[in-house]
Each structure stands twice: as structure tokens, then as C-alpha cells.
Protein backbone atom coordinates (compact mmCIF):
# COMPACT_ATOMS: atom_id res chain seq x y z
CA MET A 1 74.50 124.29 142.98
CA HIS A 2 77.42 122.56 142.78
CA TYR A 3 77.11 118.57 141.27
CA PHE A 4 78.56 117.08 144.65
CA ASP A 5 75.58 118.94 146.37
CA PHE A 6 73.61 117.55 144.17
CA TYR A 7 74.85 114.21 144.25
CA GLN A 8 74.67 113.84 147.65
CA GLN A 9 71.47 115.23 148.59
CA PHE A 10 69.76 113.09 145.94
CA LYS A 11 71.62 110.23 145.55
CA LYS A 12 69.19 107.92 148.25
CA PHE A 13 66.55 108.73 145.93
CA LYS A 14 67.46 106.52 142.84
CA ILE A 15 65.04 107.85 140.12
CA PHE A 16 64.54 111.62 140.89
CA SER A 17 62.23 114.28 138.84
CA LEU A 18 62.50 118.00 138.09
CA ASN A 19 59.47 118.52 140.55
CA ASP A 20 61.29 116.53 143.01
CA ILE A 21 64.56 118.71 143.13
CA ARG A 22 62.46 121.82 143.26
CA LYS A 23 60.75 120.86 146.54
CA SER A 24 63.56 121.08 148.10
CA ASN A 25 65.40 123.93 145.96
CA PRO A 26 62.87 126.04 144.31
CA ASN A 27 65.33 128.12 142.31
CA PHE A 28 67.11 125.05 140.41
CA HIS A 29 67.98 125.52 137.15
CA ARG A 30 66.78 122.75 134.17
CA THR A 31 69.69 123.69 132.05
CA ARG A 32 71.84 122.13 135.53
CA LEU A 33 70.43 118.92 134.42
CA ASN A 34 71.41 119.42 130.77
CA GLU A 35 74.42 120.04 131.29
CA TRP A 36 75.37 117.03 133.91
CA GLN A 37 73.62 114.99 131.58
CA ASN A 38 76.39 116.18 128.66
CA LYS A 39 78.76 115.05 131.21
CA ASN A 40 77.50 111.55 131.42
CA TYR A 41 76.79 112.03 135.62
CA LEU A 42 72.79 111.56 134.83
CA ILE A 43 70.78 109.50 132.76
CA LYS A 44 67.70 110.96 131.56
CA ILE A 45 64.93 107.98 132.00
CA ILE A 46 61.23 109.80 130.20
CA ASN A 47 60.23 113.14 130.30
CA LYS A 48 61.77 114.99 133.57
CA TYR A 49 62.96 111.94 134.99
CA TYR A 50 66.36 111.07 136.10
CA ILE A 51 69.13 108.43 137.09
CA PHE A 52 72.93 108.99 138.42
CA SER A 53 74.85 107.34 135.50
CA ASP A 54 76.99 105.12 138.65
CA LEU A 55 73.59 103.51 139.88
CA ASN A 56 74.04 100.23 140.23
CA ILE A 57 70.82 99.03 138.34
CA ASP A 58 69.42 95.45 138.97
CA GLU A 59 66.43 93.93 138.76
CA ALA A 60 65.12 95.38 142.26
CA ILE A 61 65.84 98.87 140.93
CA LEU A 62 64.11 97.82 137.55
CA PHE A 63 61.07 97.15 139.25
CA PHE A 64 61.28 100.41 141.55
CA ILE A 65 61.96 102.74 138.80
CA ALA A 66 58.57 101.17 137.02
CA ASN A 67 56.75 101.78 139.69
CA LYS A 68 57.68 104.99 140.18
CA ILE A 69 57.34 106.59 136.52
CA HIS A 70 53.75 105.13 136.43
CA LYS A 71 52.46 105.63 140.20
CA SER A 72 49.80 103.62 139.55
CA SER A 73 51.25 100.50 138.84
CA TYR A 74 52.63 97.08 139.95
CA ILE A 75 54.64 94.32 138.26
CA SER A 76 52.71 91.97 136.69
CA CYS A 77 52.55 89.71 133.62
CA GLU A 78 55.39 88.21 131.92
CA MET A 79 57.85 90.10 134.20
CA ALA A 80 55.85 88.80 137.50
CA LEU A 81 56.17 85.47 135.38
CA ALA A 82 59.52 85.56 135.28
CA TYR A 83 60.26 86.41 138.74
CA TYR A 84 58.41 83.88 140.35
CA SER A 85 60.43 81.49 138.03
CA VAL A 86 56.94 80.10 135.99
CA ILE A 87 59.02 81.21 133.04
CA PRO A 88 62.04 79.80 132.24
CA GLU A 89 63.16 82.90 129.56
CA PHE A 90 64.56 86.18 130.14
CA VAL A 91 62.49 89.31 129.84
CA PHE A 92 63.39 91.84 127.91
CA GLN A 93 60.62 94.70 129.09
CA ILE A 94 59.50 95.59 132.34
CA THR A 95 55.55 94.75 132.28
CA SER A 96 53.25 96.38 134.64
CA VAL A 97 49.42 97.04 135.34
CA ASN A 98 47.77 100.21 136.02
CA ALA A 99 44.31 101.52 135.51
CA LYS A 100 44.74 104.96 133.32
CA ASN A 101 46.35 103.78 129.76
CA THR A 102 48.40 101.30 127.98
CA CYS A 103 51.85 102.59 126.88
CA ALA A 104 55.27 101.84 126.71
CA PHE A 105 58.91 104.16 127.35
CA ASN A 106 61.92 102.92 125.48
CA THR A 107 64.53 104.21 127.48
CA PRO A 108 68.67 103.66 127.93
CA ILE A 109 68.36 101.20 130.92
CA ALA A 110 65.00 99.29 129.95
CA THR A 111 62.04 99.32 127.74
CA PHE A 112 59.01 99.83 130.58
CA LYS A 113 55.46 98.71 129.26
CA TYR A 114 52.01 99.11 131.26
CA ARG A 115 48.79 97.09 130.27
CA LYS A 116 45.55 98.43 131.31
CA ILE A 117 42.91 96.76 133.08
CA LYS A 118 39.73 97.96 135.01
CA SER A 119 39.92 99.66 138.36
CA LYS A 120 37.90 97.13 140.46
CA LEU A 121 40.83 94.55 139.19
CA MET A 122 43.93 96.66 140.79
CA PHE A 123 44.28 94.55 143.67
CA GLY A 124 46.30 91.16 144.46
CA TYR A 125 49.75 93.18 144.78
CA GLN A 126 52.06 93.10 147.37
CA LEU A 127 54.88 95.92 149.11
CA ILE A 128 58.34 93.37 148.47
CA LYS A 129 61.64 95.57 150.61
CA ASN A 130 64.86 94.74 148.70
CA GLN A 131 67.66 95.92 150.66
CA ASN A 132 66.57 99.70 151.23
CA ILE A 133 63.99 99.98 148.29
CA PHE A 134 60.21 99.14 147.66
CA PHE A 135 58.48 97.74 144.88
CA LYS A 136 55.24 96.96 143.99
CA ILE A 137 54.66 93.01 142.30
CA ALA A 138 51.21 91.01 141.74
CA ASP A 139 51.68 87.88 144.09
CA LEU A 140 51.38 84.65 142.23
CA GLU A 141 47.95 84.00 141.82
CA LYS A 142 47.28 87.74 140.45
CA THR A 143 50.26 87.30 138.02
CA ILE A 144 48.57 84.10 136.51
CA LEU A 145 45.09 86.14 136.24
CA ASP A 146 46.32 89.04 134.85
CA TYR A 147 48.76 87.52 132.26
CA LEU A 148 45.65 85.14 131.16
CA TYR A 149 43.40 88.60 131.10
CA PHE A 150 45.64 89.90 128.51
CA GLU A 151 47.08 86.69 126.38
CA LYS A 152 43.29 85.14 124.75
CA ASN A 153 45.26 83.24 122.47
CA LEU A 154 45.66 80.54 125.23
CA GLN A 155 43.04 78.34 125.33
CA THR A 156 44.78 74.77 125.66
CA ALA A 157 47.37 72.92 127.97
CA LEU A 158 49.35 72.57 125.22
CA ASP A 159 49.37 75.83 124.82
CA PHE A 160 50.72 76.61 127.96
CA ALA A 161 53.27 73.66 127.39
CA GLY A 162 54.26 75.31 124.35
CA LEU A 163 55.13 78.43 126.69
CA ARG A 164 57.08 76.22 129.01
CA PHE A 165 55.19 76.92 131.80
CA ASN A 166 56.70 75.23 135.44
CA LYS A 167 54.16 73.07 135.99
CA ILE A 168 55.88 71.50 138.98
CA LEU A 169 56.65 75.28 140.68
CA LEU A 170 52.77 75.97 139.68
CA ALA A 171 51.54 72.95 141.61
CA GLU A 172 54.06 73.36 144.83
CA LYS A 173 53.27 77.48 144.83
CA LEU A 174 49.78 78.04 143.59
CA ASN A 175 47.29 78.65 146.35
CA LEU A 176 44.25 77.71 144.37
CA GLN A 177 41.38 78.91 146.78
CA LYS A 178 43.03 82.20 146.10
CA LEU A 179 43.07 82.32 142.50
CA ASN A 180 39.37 81.24 142.46
CA ASN A 181 38.41 83.96 144.94
CA TYR A 182 40.46 86.28 142.34
CA LEU A 183 39.03 84.76 139.43
CA LYS A 184 35.19 85.76 140.67
CA ILE A 185 36.11 89.18 140.76
CA TYR A 186 36.93 89.53 137.04
CA GLN A 187 33.49 88.13 136.10
CA ASN A 188 34.90 87.16 132.58
CA LYS A 189 33.39 83.50 131.40
CA LYS A 190 36.46 83.74 128.82
CA LEU A 191 39.32 83.74 131.63
CA ILE A 192 37.63 81.14 133.53
CA LYS A 193 37.87 78.81 130.63
CA ARG A 194 41.61 79.76 130.29
CA VAL A 195 42.51 79.29 133.88
CA THR A 196 40.54 75.88 133.15
CA ALA A 197 42.98 74.94 130.54
CA LEU A 198 46.01 76.21 132.59
CA LYS A 199 44.80 73.83 135.90
CA LYS A 200 44.61 70.93 133.08
CA TYR A 201 48.16 71.55 132.12
CA ILE A 202 49.14 71.69 135.58
CA TYR A 203 47.33 68.87 137.39
CA ASP A 204 46.42 66.29 134.58
């Protein structure tokens, strides 16, 4: 298979795997990928996943790739807090939540981190369309709860002040009824205390 034909066939995928290729080209030889990678036509992300080296990588593409390489996941925690402008700092890794395992992949384009959560807590995310791609990301309320679920050292309003949470934005955008409804599903008394501390930081 010539590279030009391959490029035309798979450029719409953004990220693709060897399995994706063999679905339409059963006799495709993996050595071709190695050859094209050596020529800098392709970039290997993890295991059998690749992107074209001319792919324009932006936030939406990174989110899409994070969803793709760990299909049962959605963007949340630090990355989603930055997406919603709750925290001011640039986040250097793409953080997601899933129900299978905790892991991280250091790749040529970004570090993709996945944190494990209970299966019953895999809710509260939405499918966002950005140009021609879609990605799954927690809504603001679920992002807050996921983050507090993992960050057990956040105990007081002062802790949130130290993180420079955008309290003006949270006061304006946070849906307290949705937050409280989500919180009931967690059934976690310590998490309730952390949420109470966050509310004190926002509204006092």
C-alpha cells in the first residue's frame, strides 16, 4: 500500500490503530507503519495507536485522543477544571476518569493520566462537538466532585484559596441542586465535608 493512498484513507480518523487499518486492509503489513514512522510520516502514541505527523494538535484533539486510547473514560479532574477556567494554571497532563484502572501514558504529544473510580460513579459527563470531532468531558458539577473525591487533603476553605479556585465563576456557574444530587450518589461522608468546605470558600 502506498503512503499517499493510506494517508487519504485514514487522515479523517485523527488517531488510528493497527486494528482500524486491518478492518479495511486485512493484508496490511505492520512493517509499513514502522517504515513510515522512521520517515516521520507517523507518530506512535501508545502500543498500536498512531497519528499523522502533520496533525494539528489542539485541546480538542488531545481530549479526543484521551477518549480513544482508553475508550471507557471521560475528561475530568485537573484538566476539566482548567477547561472550565476554575483553575488558572496550564495543566501539563490530560486527566481522565474511568472504572477500570489507574494508569498514565507518556507520549510524544502529551501525558495521558487515568484515575479509577467506582462503576456507579461513571456519570455526569457530556459529549462535546468541536468542529468535526467529539469528546467526552465531565460537566462542571461532576468535575468538582471527581476532583474532591481524589484530592483528600482539601479540607478547608483556605485549602481552596491556596489553589486559586475561581470563586466568582463557581458562584455564577455552579448548579448547586445538580451538585447535591450527584453528591448523594457518591454516599461518601468525607466527600460531603470537602464539598461543604468548597461551598464555604465560594459563598462566605
